[in-house]
Amino acid sequence: MTPSRHTLTLSAVAAAALAVAGFVVAARFGNGISPTLDILRDASRPWLALALLGFGCAFACTVGAWRAALASAGGRVCLRQTAARIAIGSLVNSFAPAKIGDAVKIALCARAIDAPDRVWTTGGAYAGLAATRALTLAALVVAASAAGAMPLWPVFALAGGAAVVAIAAATSTRLRGHRRLTTLFAAAGRLARSPRDLGTVLAWCAGMQLSRVGGAAAVATAFGVPHPFLAALVILPALDLAGTVPLTPGSIGVGSGAVAVALASRGIGMLQAIAVGFAIQGVETLVSIGCGTLGIAYLAQPSPRVRRIAARAALVGASATLAAVVGFAFLDLF
């Protein structure tokens, strides 16, 4: 397929804009961020590769949790369809604020299930999944608190959120005048009322959290952070909290800043902490982009028009990546 002139022009403009941005940043702030870039360059590549594997496993566990939650709500989806749709939502989350990608996941998965009020059914499954994930994240906070790495109060917020979902699901039968809300809460309630389904989702969520701990610990090891697993227990709650703050697309800067502050509070040097934050957010973004691109390619198979859109997006994305590399080259020069 030959790209159109419009696509090539857009690609060139994106590359030029990012390259100029890199040059301006280098000229204005080069001396201030040069030490951080030195730390990034000195990171252990094998450990960063292990971090990619860890976050990739976390994505696979997320797909398993979504599929199990949907099945509990009465919407069965094949594994490949689930993976493709969750991957596209993750890709959107990498560039959009306030977890908009989660809404994309709900919309795409709803199109794949055969159930009445399927959007509301999928939303209920998502609510049950979110509550279950909050419980597994609370377990990580408890472990970190027991080790003296962070306070215990986030556990009460996470457990409170899960309790709200459980109470709403339990009272769903009283909403007979609101059919869609009844469907929403009933779908979430089915997960709580089925020990087998709840155990399956809990197992997938626990696997996802453990994989993320491994990935974060690998990044911490790559930068020489002491006690990397303990550092990972501090990093992940900070990263999840930053993802809920709708300040920047994909929480760019906010997530890495939250990680840096969390690590600095544990006595890690600020430059080293910033580098770890950048690296973790970068690794997660790479996994989301890779899986999301494959998801688009998979879902676009029946539609030539969507294939053309995906190809153009890939071309522009490749140009943006090239421009980012050029920008870092300018930073190195300064």
C-alpha atoms as a PDB file:
ATOM      1  CA  MET A   1       0.000   0.000   0.000  1.00  0.00           C
ATOM      2  CA  THR A   2       1.466   3.386  -1.024  1.00  0.00           C
ATOM      3  CA  PRO A   3       0.905   6.140   1.537  1.00  0.00           C
ATOM      4  CA  SER A   4      -0.985   9.175   0.308  1.00  0.00           C
ATOM      5  CA  ARG A   5       0.625  12.601   0.011  1.00  0.00           C
ATOM      6  CA  HIS A   6      -1.499  13.803   2.919  1.00  0.00           C
ATOM      7  CA  THR A   7      -0.235  10.975   5.137  1.00  0.00           C
ATOM      8  CA  LEU A   8       3.390  11.615   4.217  1.00  0.00           C
ATOM      9  CA  THR A   9       2.961  15.342   4.874  1.00  0.00           C
ATOM     10  CA  LEU A  10       1.379  14.691   8.263  1.00  0.00           C
ATOM     11  CA  SER A  11       4.153  12.282   9.109  1.00  0.00           C
ATOM     12  CA  ALA A  12       6.829  14.776   8.130  1.00  0.00           C
ATOM     13  CA  VAL A  13       5.174  17.538  10.152  1.00  0.00           C
ATOM     14  CA  ALA A  14       4.963  15.286  13.217  1.00  0.00           C
ATOM     15  CA  ALA A  15       8.619  14.348  12.893  1.00  0.00           C
ATOM     16  CA  ALA A  16       9.711  17.948  12.391  1.00  0.00           C
ATOM     17  CA  ALA A  17       7.628  19.233  15.294  1.00  0.00           C
ATOM     18  CA  LEU A  18       8.997  16.674  17.721  1.00  0.00           C
ATOM     19  CA  ALA A  19      12.545  17.211  16.522  1.00  0.00           C
ATOM     20  CA  VAL A  20      12.220  20.969  17.010  1.00  0.00           C
ATOM     21  CA  ALA A  21      10.698  20.365  20.439  1.00  0.00           C
ATOM     22  CA  GLY A  22      13.660  18.200  21.359  1.00  0.00           C
ATOM     23  CA  PHE A  23      16.060  20.908  20.160  1.00  0.00           C
ATOM     24  CA  VAL A  24      14.275  23.611  22.163  1.00  0.00           C
ATOM     25  CA  VAL A  25      14.261  21.478  25.311  1.00  0.00           C
ATOM     26  CA  ALA A  26      17.930  20.732  24.830  1.00  0.00           C
ATOM     27  CA  ALA A  27      18.801  24.398  24.380  1.00  0.00           C
ATOM     28  CA  ARG A  28      16.704  25.577  27.320  1.00  0.00           C
ATOM     29  CA  PHE A  29      17.040  22.805  29.894  1.00  0.00           C
ATOM     30  CA  GLY A  30      19.901  20.662  28.644  1.00  0.00           C
ATOM     31  CA  ASN A  31      22.241  21.342  31.542  1.00  0.00           C
ATOM     32  CA  GLY A  32      19.540  20.550  34.085  1.00  0.00           C
ATOM     33  CA  ILE A  33      18.456  17.185  32.694  1.00  0.00           C
ATOM     34  CA  SER A  34      21.797  15.960  31.397  1.00  0.00           C
ATOM     35  CA  PRO A  35      22.609  14.037  34.619  1.00  0.00           C
ATOM     36  CA  THR A  36      19.271  12.233  34.411  1.00  0.00           C
ATOM     37  CA  LEU A  37      20.001  11.259  30.809  1.00  0.00           C
ATOM     38  CA  ASP A  38      23.405   9.964  31.890  1.00  0.00           C
ATOM     39  CA  ILE A  39      21.671   7.697  34.423  1.00  0.00           C
ATOM     40  CA  LEU A  40      19.218   6.512  31.753  1.00  0.00           C
ATOM     41  CA  ARG A  41      22.072   5.624  29.411  1.00  0.00           C
ATOM     42  CA  ASP A  42      23.861   3.658  32.139  1.00  0.00           C
ATOM     43  CA  ALA A  43      20.855   1.441  32.913  1.00  0.00           C
ATOM     44  CA  SER A  44      21.294  -2.330  32.501  1.00  0.00           C
ATOM     45  CA  ARG A  45      19.732  -3.370  29.181  1.00  0.00           C
ATOM     46  CA  PRO A  46      19.118  -7.031  30.196  1.00  0.00           C
ATOM     47  CA  TRP A  47      17.180  -5.935  33.276  1.00  0.00           C
ATOM     48  CA  LEU A  48      15.115  -3.517  31.194  1.00  0.00           C
ATOM     49  CA  ALA A  49      14.349  -6.401  28.821  1.00  0.00           C
ATOM     50  CA  LEU A  50      13.151  -8.426  31.818  1.00  0.00           C
ATOM     51  CA  ALA A  51      10.999  -5.458  32.817  1.00  0.00           C
ATOM     52  CA  LEU A  52       9.377  -5.531  29.375  1.00  0.00           C
ATOM     53  CA  LEU A  53       8.671  -9.225  29.866  1.00  0.00           C
ATOM     54  CA  GLY A  54       7.184  -8.567  33.306  1.00  0.00           C
ATOM     55  CA  PHE A  55       4.814  -5.851  32.113  1.00  0.00           C
ATOM     56  CA  GLY A  56       3.949  -7.993  29.089  1.00  0.00           C
ATOM     57  CA  CYS A  57       2.923 -10.806  31.447  1.00  0.00           C
ATOM     58  CA  ALA A  58       0.891  -8.273  33.419  1.00  0.00           C
ATOM     59  CA  PHE A  59      -1.002  -7.390  30.248  1.00  0.00           C
ATOM     60  CA  ALA A  60      -1.677 -11.079  29.565  1.00  0.00           C
ATOM     61  CA  CYS A  61      -3.055 -11.497  33.096  1.00  0.00           C
ATOM     62  CA  THR A  62      -5.219  -8.405  32.595  1.00  0.00           C
ATOM     63  CA  VAL A  63      -6.739 -10.000  29.493  1.00  0.00           C
ATOM     64  CA  GLY A  64      -7.432 -13.168  31.475  1.00  0.00           C
ATOM     65  CA  ALA A  65      -9.102 -11.164  34.255  1.00  0.00           C
ATOM     66  CA  TRP A  66     -11.294  -9.273  31.772  1.00  0.00           C
ATOM     67  CA  ARG A  67     -12.338 -12.473  30.029  1.00  0.00           C
ATOM     68  CA  ALA A  68     -13.201 -14.174  33.332  1.00  0.00           C
ATOM     69  CA  ALA A  69     -15.178 -11.142  34.545  1.00  0.00           C
ATOM     70  CA  LEU A  70     -17.119 -10.949  31.265  1.00  0.00           C
ATOM     71  CA  ALA A  71     -17.897 -14.671  31.425  1.00  0.00           C
ATOM     72  CA  SER A  72     -19.188 -14.259  34.978  1.00  0.00           C
ATOM     73  CA  ALA A  73     -21.518 -11.489  33.756  1.00  0.00           C
ATOM     74  CA  GLY A  74     -22.860 -13.734  30.995  1.00  0.00           C
ATOM     75  CA  GLY A  75     -20.775 -12.447  28.098  1.00  0.00           C
ATOM     76  CA  ARG A  76     -18.359 -14.983  26.697  1.00  0.00           C
ATOM     77  CA  VAL A  77     -15.654 -13.706  24.335  1.00  0.00           C
ATOM     78  CA  CYS A  78     -12.850 -15.658  22.669  1.00  0.00           C
ATOM     79  CA  LEU A  79      -9.346 -15.047  23.977  1.00  0.00           C
ATOM     80  CA  ARG A  80      -7.998 -13.343  20.844  1.00  0.00           C
ATOM     81  CA  GLN A  81     -10.956 -10.975  20.597  1.00  0.00           C
ATOM     82  CA  THR A  82     -10.613 -10.045  24.256  1.00  0.00           C
ATOM     83  CA  ALA A  83      -6.871  -9.481  23.962  1.00  0.00           C
ATOM     84  CA  ALA A  84      -7.226  -7.284  20.865  1.00  0.00           C
ATOM     85  CA  ARG A  85      -9.922  -5.092  22.404  1.00  0.00           C
ATOM     86  CA  ILE A  86      -8.180  -4.706  25.760  1.00  0.00           C
ATOM     87  CA  ALA A  87      -4.929  -3.915  23.948  1.00  0.00           C
ATOM     88  CA  ILE A  88      -6.550  -1.085  21.983  1.00  0.00           C
ATOM     89  CA  GLY A  89      -7.933   0.375  25.205  1.00  0.00           C
ATOM     90  CA  SER A  90      -4.482   0.165  26.775  1.00  0.00           C
ATOM     91  CA  LEU A  91      -3.055   1.979  23.763  1.00  0.00           C
ATOM     92  CA  VAL A  92      -5.600   4.776  24.237  1.00  0.00           C
ATOM     93  CA  ASN A  93      -4.703   4.983  27.935  1.00  0.00           C
ATOM     94  CA  SER A  94      -1.089   5.603  26.932  1.00  0.00           C
ATOM     95  CA  PHE A  95      -2.019   8.876  25.228  1.00  0.00           C
ATOM     96  CA  ALA A  96      -5.315   9.993  26.801  1.00  0.00           C
ATOM     97  CA  PRO A  97      -5.940  11.345  30.319  1.00  0.00           C
ATOM     98  CA  ALA A  98      -8.278  10.080  33.041  1.00  0.00           C
ATOM     99  CA  LYS A  99      -8.278   6.417  31.942  1.00  0.00           C
ATOM    100  CA  ILE A 100     -10.382   7.131  28.855  1.00  0.00           C
ATOM    101  CA  GLY A 101      -8.962   3.920  27.456  1.00  0.00           C
ATOM    102  CA  ASP A 102     -11.004   1.979  30.019  1.00  0.00           C
ATOM    103  CA  ALA A 103     -14.177   3.360  28.425  1.00  0.00           C
ATOM    104  CA  VAL A 104     -12.794   2.197  25.075  1.00  0.00           C
ATOM    105  CA  LYS A 105     -12.268  -1.288  26.528  1.00  0.00           C
ATOM    106  CA  ILE A 106     -15.883  -1.381  27.732  1.00  0.00           C
ATOM    107  CA  ALA A 107     -17.231  -0.203  24.378  1.00  0.00           C
ATOM    108  CA  LEU A 108     -15.131  -2.631  22.325  1.00  0.00           C
ATOM    109  CA  CYS A 109     -15.788  -5.637  24.558  1.00  0.00           C
ATOM    110  CA  ALA A 110     -19.509  -4.843  24.571  1.00  0.00           C
ATOM    111  CA  ARG A 111     -19.542  -5.166  20.785  1.00  0.00           C
ATOM    112  CA  ALA A 112     -18.119  -8.688  21.070  1.00  0.00           C
ATOM    113  CA  ILE A 113     -20.598 -10.195  23.547  1.00  0.00           C
ATOM    114  CA  ASP A 114     -24.139 -11.430  22.976  1.00  0.00           C
ATOM    115  CA  ALA A 115     -26.170 -10.225  25.950  1.00  0.00           C
ATOM    116  CA  PRO A 116     -29.091  -7.865  26.629  1.00  0.00           C
ATOM    117  CA  ASP A 117     -27.983  -4.301  27.389  1.00  0.00           C
ATOM    118  CA  ARG A 118     -24.477  -5.450  26.562  1.00  0.00           C
ATOM    119  CA  VAL A 119     -22.804  -2.088  27.251  1.00  0.00           C
ATOM    120  CA  TRP A 120     -24.276  -2.042  30.763  1.00  0.00           C
ATOM    121  CA  THR A 121     -23.444  -5.711  31.255  1.00  0.00           C
ATOM    122  CA  THR A 122     -19.835  -5.026  30.261  1.00  0.00           C
ATOM    123  CA  GLY A 123     -19.776  -1.986  32.534  1.00  0.00           C
ATOM    124  CA  GLY A 124     -20.906  -4.151  35.438  1.00  0.00           C
ATOM    125  CA  ALA A 125     -18.201  -6.695  34.686  1.00  0.00           C
ATOM    126  CA  TYR A 126     -15.659  -3.843  34.616  1.00  0.00           C
ATOM    127  CA  ALA A 127     -16.910  -2.556  37.997  1.00  0.00           C
ATOM    128  CA  GLY A 128     -16.511  -5.998  39.545  1.00  0.00           C
ATOM    129  CA  LEU A 129     -13.064  -6.350  37.993  1.00  0.00           C
ATOM    130  CA  ALA A 130     -12.007  -2.904  39.246  1.00  0.00           C
ATOM    131  CA  ALA A 131     -13.111  -3.775  42.777  1.00  0.00           C
ATOM    132  CA  THR A 132     -11.194  -7.056  42.657  1.00  0.00           C
ATOM    133  CA  ARG A 133      -8.096  -5.324  41.345  1.00  0.00           C
ATOM    134  CA  ALA A 134      -8.371  -2.757  44.146  1.00  0.00           C
ATOM    135  CA  LEU A 135      -8.264  -5.593  46.672  1.00  0.00           C
ATOM    136  CA  THR A 136      -5.096  -7.051  45.161  1.00  0.00           C
ATOM    137  CA  LEU A 137      -3.498  -3.605  45.088  1.00  0.00           C
ATOM    138  CA  ALA A 138      -4.485  -3.182  48.748  1.00  0.00           C
ATOM    139  CA  ALA A 139      -2.625  -6.423  49.485  1.00  0.00           C
ATOM    140  CA  LEU A 140       0.517  -4.880  47.964  1.00  0.00           C
ATOM    141  CA  VAL A 141       0.075  -1.782  50.115  1.00  0.00           C
ATOM    142  CA  VAL A 142      -0.275  -3.983  53.215  1.00  0.00           C
ATOM    143  CA  ALA A 143       2.970  -5.771  52.300  1.00  0.00           C
ATOM    144  CA  ALA A 144       4.750  -2.464  51.752  1.00  0.00           C
ATOM    145  CA  SER A 145       3.383  -1.069  55.007  1.00  0.00           C
ATOM    146  CA  ALA A 146       4.494  -4.174  56.912  1.00  0.00           C
ATOM    147  CA  ALA A 147       7.996  -3.577  55.571  1.00  0.00           C
ATOM    148  CA  GLY A 148       7.828   0.061  56.671  1.00  0.00           C
ATOM    149  CA  ALA A 149       7.964   1.363  53.105  1.00  0.00           C
ATOM    150  CA  MET A 150       4.679   3.307  53.077  1.00  0.00           C
ATOM    151  CA  PRO A 151       1.696   4.177  55.294  1.00  0.00           C
ATOM    152  CA  LEU A 152      -1.325   1.928  55.662  1.00  0.00           C
ATOM    153  CA  TRP A 153      -4.077   4.481  54.947  1.00  0.00           C
ATOM    154  CA  PRO A 154      -4.380   3.752  51.168  1.00  0.00           C
ATOM    155  CA  VAL A 155      -5.682   0.297  52.107  1.00  0.00           C
ATOM    156  CA  PHE A 156      -8.819   1.830  53.607  1.00  0.00           C
ATOM    157  CA  ALA A 157      -9.480   3.883  50.471  1.00  0.00           C
ATOM    158  CA  LEU A 158      -9.024   0.844  48.212  1.00  0.00           C
ATOM    159  CA  ALA A 159     -11.125  -1.424  50.425  1.00  0.00           C
ATOM    160  CA  GLY A 160     -13.779   1.291  50.674  1.00  0.00           C
ATOM    161  CA  GLY A 161     -14.049   1.522  46.903  1.00  0.00           C
ATOM    162  CA  ALA A 162     -14.474  -2.242  46.639  1.00  0.00           C
ATOM    163  CA  ALA A 163     -17.111  -2.159  49.390  1.00  0.00           C
ATOM    164  CA  VAL A 164     -19.116   0.495  47.528  1.00  0.00           C
ATOM    165  CA  VAL A 165     -19.254  -1.746  44.446  1.00  0.00           C
ATOM    166  CA  ALA A 166     -20.272  -4.734  46.578  1.00  0.00           C
ATOM    167  CA  ILE A 167     -23.065  -2.797  48.334  1.00  0.00           C
ATOM    168  CA  ALA A 168     -24.359  -1.424  45.027  1.00  0.00           C
ATOM    169  CA  ALA A 169     -24.392  -4.931  43.565  1.00  0.00           C
ATOM    170  CA  ALA A 170     -26.235  -6.299  46.591  1.00  0.00           C
ATOM    171  CA  THR A 171     -28.972  -3.652  46.312  1.00  0.00           C
ATOM    172  CA  SER A 172     -29.407  -3.972  42.540  1.00  0.00           C
ATOM    173  CA  THR A 173     -32.762  -5.748  42.939  1.00  0.00           C
ATOM    174  CA  ARG A 174     -34.232  -2.557  44.437  1.00  0.00           C
ATOM    175  CA  LEU A 175     -33.640  -0.631  41.209  1.00  0.00           C
ATOM    176  CA  ARG A 176     -36.364  -2.290  39.189  1.00  0.00           C
ATOM    177  CA  GLY A 177     -37.477   1.078  37.850  1.00  0.00           C
ATOM    178  CA  HIS A 178     -34.035   1.634  36.327  1.00  0.00           C
ATOM    179  CA  ARG A 179     -33.508  -1.376  34.090  1.00  0.00           C
ATOM    180  CA  ARG A 180     -30.045  -0.446  32.871  1.00  0.00           C
ATOM    181  CA  LEU A 181     -28.715   0.313  36.340  1.00  0.00           C
ATOM    182  CA  THR A 182     -30.149  -3.002  37.472  1.00  0.00           C
ATOM    183  CA  THR A 183     -28.244  -4.712  34.653  1.00  0.00           C
ATOM    184  CA  LEU A 184     -25.056  -2.851  35.570  1.00  0.00           C
ATOM    185  CA  PHE A 185     -25.088  -3.771  39.254  1.00  0.00           C
ATOM    186  CA  ALA A 186     -26.403  -7.274  38.654  1.00  0.00           C
ATOM    187  CA  ALA A 187     -23.461  -7.991  36.343  1.00  0.00           C
ATOM    188  CA  ALA A 188     -21.074  -6.849  39.068  1.00  0.00           C
ATOM    189  CA  GLY A 189     -23.000  -8.842  41.659  1.00  0.00           C
ATOM    190  CA  ARG A 190     -22.726 -12.107  39.756  1.00  0.00           C
ATOM    191  CA  LEU A 191     -18.988 -12.042  40.279  1.00  0.00           C
ATOM    192  CA  ALA A 192     -19.365 -11.600  44.048  1.00  0.00           C
ATOM    193  CA  ARG A 193     -21.978 -14.368  44.272  1.00  0.00           C
ATOM    194  CA  SER A 194     -19.883 -16.938  42.420  1.00  0.00           C
ATOM    195  CA  PRO A 195     -16.894 -18.088  44.500  1.00  0.00           C
ATOM    196  CA  ARG A 196     -15.458 -19.916  41.506  1.00  0.00           C
ATOM    197  CA  ASP A 197     -15.615 -16.900  39.184  1.00  0.00           C
ATOM    198  CA  LEU A 198     -14.394 -14.558  41.911  1.00  0.00           C
ATOM    199  CA  GLY A 199     -11.472 -16.869  42.631  1.00  0.00           C
ATOM    200  CA  THR A 200     -10.559 -16.954  38.938  1.00  0.00           C
ATOM    201  CA  VAL A 201     -10.623 -13.168  38.612  1.00  0.00           C
ATOM    202  CA  LEU A 202      -8.700 -12.773  41.869  1.00  0.00           C
ATOM    203  CA  ALA A 203      -6.040 -15.193  40.617  1.00  0.00           C
ATOM    204  CA  TRP A 204      -5.644 -13.282  37.344  1.00  0.00           C
ATOM    205  CA  CYS A 205      -5.504  -9.934  39.177  1.00  0.00           C
ATOM    206  CA  ALA A 206      -2.948 -11.299  41.638  1.00  0.00           C
ATOM    207  CA  GLY A 207      -0.869 -12.562  38.705  1.00  0.00           C
ATOM    208  CA  MET A 208      -1.100  -9.145  37.096  1.00  0.00           C
ATOM    209  CA  GLN A 209       0.056  -7.370  40.259  1.00  0.00           C
ATOM    210  CA  LEU A 210       2.911  -9.822  40.836  1.00  0.00           C
ATOM    211  CA  SER A 211       4.033  -9.437  37.206  1.00  0.00           C
ATOM    212  CA  ARG A 212       4.018  -5.658  37.609  1.00  0.00           C
ATOM    213  CA  VAL A 213       6.019  -5.995  40.819  1.00  0.00           C
ATOM    214  CA  GLY A 214       8.547  -8.094  38.940  1.00  0.00           C
ATOM    215  CA  GLY A 215       8.697  -5.580  36.087  1.00  0.00           C
ATOM    216  CA  ALA A 216       9.098  -2.611  38.412  1.00  0.00           C
ATOM    217  CA  ALA A 217      11.735  -4.462  40.452  1.00  0.00           C
ATOM    218  CA  ALA A 218      13.634  -5.220  37.237  1.00  0.00           C
ATOM    219  CA  VAL A 219      13.659  -1.518  36.341  1.00  0.00           C
ATOM    220  CA  ALA A 220      14.814  -0.625  39.837  1.00  0.00           C
ATOM    221  CA  THR A 221      17.605  -3.203  39.549  1.00  0.00           C
ATOM    222  CA  ALA A 222      18.592  -1.809  36.147  1.00  0.00           C
ATOM    223  CA  PHE A 223      19.265   1.558  37.810  1.00  0.00           C
ATOM    224  CA  GLY A 224      20.975   0.170  40.882  1.00  0.00           C
ATOM    225  CA  VAL A 225      18.196   1.021  43.346  1.00  0.00           C
ATOM    226  CA  PRO A 226      18.733  -0.858  46.631  1.00  0.00           C
ATOM    227  CA  HIS A 227      16.065  -3.341  47.738  1.00  0.00           C
ATOM    228  CA  PRO A 228      14.357  -3.391  44.316  1.00  0.00           C
ATOM    229  CA  PHE A 229      11.315  -5.462  45.354  1.00  0.00           C
ATOM    230  CA  LEU A 230      10.622  -3.135  48.253  1.00  0.00           C
ATOM    231  CA  ALA A 231      11.015  -0.207  45.864  1.00  0.00           C
ATOM    232  CA  ALA A 232       8.519  -1.858  43.504  1.00  0.00           C
ATOM    233  CA  LEU A 233       5.960  -2.084  46.318  1.00  0.00           C
ATOM    234  CA  VAL A 234       6.294   1.686  46.730  1.00  0.00           C
ATOM    235  CA  ILE A 235       6.288   2.434  42.994  1.00  0.00           C
ATOM    236  CA  LEU A 236       3.124   0.623  41.906  1.00  0.00           C
ATOM    237  CA  PRO A 237       0.582   2.311  44.232  1.00  0.00           C
ATOM    238  CA  ALA A 238       2.088   5.702  43.335  1.00  0.00           C
ATOM    239  CA  LEU A 239       1.856   4.880  39.631  1.00  0.00           C
ATOM    240  CA  ASP A 240      -1.767   3.719  39.881  1.00  0.00           C
ATOM    241  CA  LEU A 241      -2.754   6.803  41.843  1.00  0.00           C
ATOM    242  CA  ALA A 242      -1.089   9.083  39.293  1.00  0.00           C
ATOM    243  CA  GLY A 243      -3.030   7.353  36.498  1.00  0.00           C
ATOM    244  CA  THR A 244      -6.308   8.588  37.989  1.00  0.00           C
ATOM    245  CA  VAL A 245      -5.244  12.258  37.864  1.00  0.00           C
ATOM    246  CA  PRO A 246      -6.522  13.723  34.542  1.00  0.00           C
ATOM    247  CA  LEU A 247      -3.780  16.302  34.059  1.00  0.00           C
ATOM    248  CA  THR A 248      -1.779  15.124  31.052  1.00  0.00           C
ATOM    249  CA  PRO A 249      -2.364  12.686  28.170  1.00  0.00           C
ATOM    250  CA  GLY A 250      -1.465   9.224  29.398  1.00  0.00           C
ATOM    251  CA  SER A 251      -0.357  10.789  32.715  1.00  0.00           C
ATOM    252  CA  ILE A 252       2.909  11.645  30.937  1.00  0.00           C
ATOM    253  CA  GLY A 253       5.172  13.262  33.494  1.00  0.00           C
ATOM    254  CA  VAL A 254       2.660  12.817  36.311  1.00  0.00           C
ATOM    255  CA  GLY A 255       3.287   9.081  36.626  1.00  0.00           C
ATOM    256  CA  SER A 256       7.071   9.359  36.473  1.00  0.00           C
ATOM    257  CA  GLY A 257       6.938  12.308  38.879  1.00  0.00           C
ATOM    258  CA  ALA A 258       4.830  10.331  41.359  1.00  0.00           C
ATOM    259  CA  VAL A 259       7.289   7.443  41.186  1.00  0.00           C
ATOM    260  CA  ALA A 260      10.208   9.828  41.696  1.00  0.00           C
ATOM    261  CA  VAL A 261       8.605  11.420  44.756  1.00  0.00           C
ATOM    262  CA  ALA A 262       7.743   8.006  46.214  1.00  0.00           C
ATOM    263  CA  LEU A 263      11.312   6.773  45.783  1.00  0.00           C
ATOM    264  CA  ALA A 264      12.869  10.013  46.986  1.00  0.00           C
ATOM    265  CA  SER A 265      10.830   9.719  50.181  1.00  0.00           C
ATOM    266  CA  ARG A 266      12.621   6.400  50.762  1.00  0.00           C
ATOM    267  CA  GLY A 267      16.049   8.026  50.538  1.00  0.00           C
ATOM    268  CA  ILE A 268      16.740   7.422  46.828  1.00  0.00           C
ATOM    269  CA  GLY A 269      18.551  10.272  45.077  1.00  0.00           C
ATOM    270  CA  MET A 270      16.173  12.496  43.109  1.00  0.00           C
ATOM    271  CA  LEU A 271      17.988  12.104  39.766  1.00  0.00           C
ATOM    272  CA  GLN A 272      18.011   8.324  40.138  1.00  0.00           C
ATOM    273  CA  ALA A 273      14.356   8.346  41.204  1.00  0.00           C
ATOM    274  CA  ILE A 274      13.348  10.467  38.188  1.00  0.00           C
ATOM    275  CA  ALA A 275      15.210   8.116  35.854  1.00  0.00           C
ATOM    276  CA  VAL A 276      13.387   5.095  37.322  1.00  0.00           C
ATOM    277  CA  GLY A 277      10.050   6.872  36.921  1.00  0.00           C
ATOM    278  CA  PHE A 278      10.765   7.706  33.282  1.00  0.00           C
ATOM    279  CA  ALA A 279      11.893   4.163  32.574  1.00  0.00           C
ATOM    280  CA  ILE A 280       8.884   2.449  34.160  1.00  0.00           C
ATOM    281  CA  GLN A 281       6.414   4.676  32.343  1.00  0.00           C
ATOM    282  CA  GLY A 282       8.367   4.181  29.134  1.00  0.00           C
ATOM    283  CA  VAL A 283       8.368   0.378  29.453  1.00  0.00           C
ATOM    284  CA  GLU A 284       4.619   0.304  30.159  1.00  0.00           C
ATOM    285  CA  THR A 285       3.998   2.589  27.194  1.00  0.00           C
ATOM    286  CA  LEU A 286       6.060   0.374  24.893  1.00  0.00           C
ATOM    287  CA  VAL A 287       4.044  -2.681  25.947  1.00  0.00           C
ATOM    288  CA  SER A 288       0.767  -0.811  25.400  1.00  0.00           C
ATOM    289  CA  ILE A 289       1.841   0.487  21.982  1.00  0.00           C
ATOM    290  CA  GLY A 290       3.062  -2.917  20.841  1.00  0.00           C
ATOM    291  CA  CYS A 291      -0.014  -4.813  22.042  1.00  0.00           C
ATOM    292  CA  GLY A 292      -2.375  -2.074  20.877  1.00  0.00           C
ATOM    293  CA  THR A 293      -0.888  -2.040  17.379  1.00  0.00           C
ATOM    294  CA  LEU A 294      -1.308  -5.810  17.132  1.00  0.00           C
ATOM    295  CA  GLY A 295      -4.872  -5.449  18.418  1.00  0.00           C
ATOM    296  CA  ILE A 296      -5.729  -2.896  15.748  1.00  0.00           C
ATOM    297  CA  ALA A 297      -4.193  -5.100  13.077  1.00  0.00           C
ATOM    298  CA  TYR A 298      -6.203  -8.104  14.288  1.00  0.00           C
ATOM    299  CA  LEU A 299      -9.559  -6.328  14.452  1.00  0.00           C
ATOM    300  CA  ALA A 300      -8.904  -4.529  11.162  1.00  0.00           C
ATOM    301  CA  GLN A 301      -8.555  -7.740   9.137  1.00  0.00           C
ATOM    302  CA  PRO A 302     -12.093  -7.742   7.688  1.00  0.00           C
ATOM    303  CA  SER A 303     -12.070  -4.027   6.825  1.00  0.00           C
ATOM    304  CA  PRO A 304      -9.765  -2.588   4.132  1.00  0.00           C
ATOM    305  CA  ARG A 305     -10.699   0.931   5.240  1.00  0.00           C
ATOM    306  CA  VAL A 306      -9.617   0.296   8.828  1.00  0.00           C
ATOM    307  CA  ARG A 307      -6.429  -1.342   7.562  1.00  0.00           C
ATOM    308  CA  ARG A 308      -5.624   1.864   5.662  1.00  0.00           C
ATOM    309  CA  ILE A 309      -6.263   3.950   8.785  1.00  0.00           C
ATOM    310  CA  ALA A 310      -4.065   1.642  10.868  1.00  0.00           C
ATOM    311  CA  ALA A 311      -1.280   1.819   8.284  1.00  0.00           C
ATOM    312  CA  ARG A 312      -1.375   5.610   8.269  1.00  0.00           C
ATOM    313  CA  ALA A 313      -1.405   5.733  12.058  1.00  0.00           C
ATOM    314  CA  ALA A 314       1.563   3.373  12.137  1.00  0.00           C
ATOM    315  CA  LEU A 315       3.456   5.571   9.676  1.00  0.00           C
ATOM    316  CA  VAL A 316       2.828   8.694  11.706  1.00  0.00           C
ATOM    317  CA  GLY A 317       3.726   6.835  14.897  1.00  0.00           C
ATOM    318  CA  ALA A 318       6.976   5.603  13.371  1.00  0.00           C
ATOM    319  CA  SER A 319       7.833   9.160  12.375  1.00  0.00           C
ATOM    320  CA  ALA A 320       7.070  10.383  15.886  1.00  0.00           C
ATOM    321  CA  THR A 321       9.355   7.693  17.314  1.00  0.00           C
ATOM    322  CA  LEU A 322      12.111   8.718  14.905  1.00  0.00           C
ATOM    323  CA  ALA A 323      11.635  12.326  15.934  1.00  0.00           C
ATOM    324  CA  ALA A 324      11.916  11.362  19.595  1.00  0.00           C
ATOM    325  CA  VAL A 325      15.216   9.636  18.839  1.00  0.00           C
ATOM    326  CA  VAL A 326      16.424  12.765  17.050  1.00  0.00           C
ATOM    327  CA  GLY A 327      15.336  14.846  20.031  1.00  0.00           C
ATOM    328  CA  PHE A 328      17.371  12.699  22.415  1.00  0.00           C
ATOM    329  CA  ALA A 329      20.317  13.028  20.046  1.00  0.00           C
ATOM    330  CA  PHE A 330      20.058  16.811  20.378  1.00  0.00           C
ATOM    331  CA  LEU A 331      19.890  16.419  24.156  1.00  0.00           C
ATOM    332  CA  ASP A 332      23.092  14.383  24.068  1.00  0.00           C
ATOM    333  CA  LEU A 333      24.800  17.085  22.004  1.00  0.00           C
ATOM    334  CA  PHE A 334      23.979  19.695  24.617  1.00  0.00           C
END
